[in-house]
Every structure is written in C-alpha cells, then in structure tokens.
Amino acid sequence: MPSPERNQVPKARVTISPDGHLILLEVGGKEMTTTVMTAATGEIEFETHRFLASAFSPDGKLLAVGGREPTVLLLPTDTWEVGKG
C-alpha cells in the first residue's frame, strides 16, 4: 500500500481578516506556505513556509502561526514583527 504522505493532495484555504483588509492564503500538503495579502491591492504583507496552521485573532490585530514544534508565533498585523506590536 502506498504511503499516505507520498500521495497527499495539496490543499488550499483562504481566510479574510475580521476587518476585511487582509487575505490569508494557505497552500500546501504536509506543510503549508502561508501568505498574507492586502485585500485592496493584492500586495504581499507577510509570507512564511513550513507551518501547519494559522489564524487571525478576533480583532484582526494578530496572526497566530503554528508548526510541528510546540511553538506558536503571534505576529502583529501592523508590523509583522514578533514582539513589536
């Protein structure tokens, strides 16, 4: 029987920030590429690889990004820098 990892179908998920200003696009299979774009212009604000999940906070001021390690990054959506928000 073939390995499930080998035949894993790529997935895509699109999420709009609560304020409607940002678009979160996650594409990949086992590990996702996470891209955040400005909704009005399509300009890329933030991009990262090798994460499994991400989500906006209810007020849209933070993006939580988590991976295999027991670590979750909390990124302020105004600076995109850890610890600067």
Protein backbone atom coordinates (compact mmCIF):
# COMPACT_ATOMS: atom_id res chain seq x y z
CA MET A 1 0.00 0.00 0.00
CA PRO A 2 1.46 3.46 -0.92
CA SER A 3 2.42 5.85 1.84
CA PRO A 4 -0.29 8.48 2.57
CA GLU A 5 2.42 11.18 2.69
CA ARG A 6 3.52 10.39 -0.84
CA ASN A 7 0.00 10.69 -2.25
CA GLN A 8 -1.10 13.65 -0.19
CA VAL A 9 -3.23 16.06 -2.20
CA PRO A 10 -2.25 19.74 -1.98
CA LYS A 11 -4.73 21.83 -0.03
CA ALA A 12 -5.66 25.49 -0.13
CA ARG A 13 -7.53 27.64 2.35
CA VAL A 14 -8.46 31.31 2.14
CA THR A 15 -9.41 33.38 5.19
CA ILE A 16 -10.40 37.06 5.31
CA SER A 17 -9.32 39.06 8.37
CA PRO A 18 -12.17 40.22 10.64
CA ASP A 19 -11.82 43.81 9.39
CA GLY A 20 -11.75 42.69 5.73
CA HIS A 21 -8.40 44.34 4.98
CA LEU A 22 -6.21 41.22 4.76
CA ILE A 23 -6.44 37.89 2.95
CA LEU A 24 -4.72 34.82 4.41
CA LEU A 25 -3.86 32.17 1.82
CA GLU A 26 -2.55 28.78 2.94
CA VAL A 27 -1.39 26.36 0.24
CA GLY A 28 0.43 23.06 0.55
CA GLY A 29 0.24 19.48 1.63
CA LYS A 30 2.08 18.27 4.69
CA GLU A 31 3.40 21.77 5.48
CA MET A 32 1.77 24.96 4.31
CA THR A 33 3.00 28.14 2.70
CA THR A 34 1.20 30.99 4.44
CA THR A 35 0.81 34.26 2.54
CA VAL A 36 -1.00 37.37 3.80
CA MET A 37 -2.04 39.96 1.22
CA THR A 38 -3.74 43.33 1.37
CA ALA A 39 -7.27 42.78 0.07
CA ALA A 40 -7.46 46.07 -1.83
CA THR A 41 -4.15 45.75 -3.72
CA GLY A 42 -3.02 42.12 -3.52
CA GLU A 43 0.32 43.31 -2.13
CA ILE A 44 2.07 40.62 -0.08
CA GLU A 45 2.42 41.73 3.53
CA PHE A 46 3.85 38.53 5.04
CA GLU A 47 4.90 35.08 3.87
CA THR A 48 6.29 32.03 5.63
CA HIS A 49 6.80 28.34 4.95
CA ARG A 50 6.76 25.08 6.90
CA PHE A 51 3.84 25.85 9.16
CA LEU A 52 0.75 23.73 9.65
CA ALA A 53 -1.91 26.24 10.66
CA SER A 54 -2.58 29.93 11.05
CA ALA A 55 -5.47 32.15 12.11
CA PHE A 56 -6.32 35.79 12.76
CA SER A 57 -7.26 36.92 16.25
CA PRO A 58 -10.93 38.00 16.59
CA ASP A 59 -9.94 41.68 16.33
CA GLY A 60 -7.58 41.04 13.37
CA LYS A 61 -4.61 42.63 15.13
CA LEU A 62 -2.62 39.37 15.46
CA LEU A 63 -1.85 36.42 13.23
CA ALA A 64 -1.10 33.16 15.03
CA VAL A 65 1.10 30.73 13.07
CA GLY A 66 1.94 27.25 14.38
CA GLY A 67 4.09 24.37 13.22
CA ARG A 68 5.40 20.98 14.28
CA GLU A 69 7.45 22.31 17.17
CA PRO A 70 5.45 23.31 20.22
CA THR A 71 5.72 26.95 19.15
CA VAL A 72 3.11 29.45 18.04
CA LEU A 73 4.22 32.78 16.60
CA LEU A 74 1.98 35.75 17.36
CA LEU A 75 2.58 38.41 14.73
CA PRO A 76 1.05 41.89 14.97
CA THR A 77 -0.59 42.65 11.62
CA ASP A 78 0.63 46.25 11.68
CA THR A 79 4.37 45.40 11.85
CA TRP A 80 4.66 41.64 11.10
CA GLU A 81 7.50 41.50 13.63
CA VAL A 82 7.47 39.19 16.65
CA GLY A 83 7.40 41.29 19.82
CA LYS A 84 6.74 44.61 18.01
CA GLY A 85 3.09 45.42 18.24
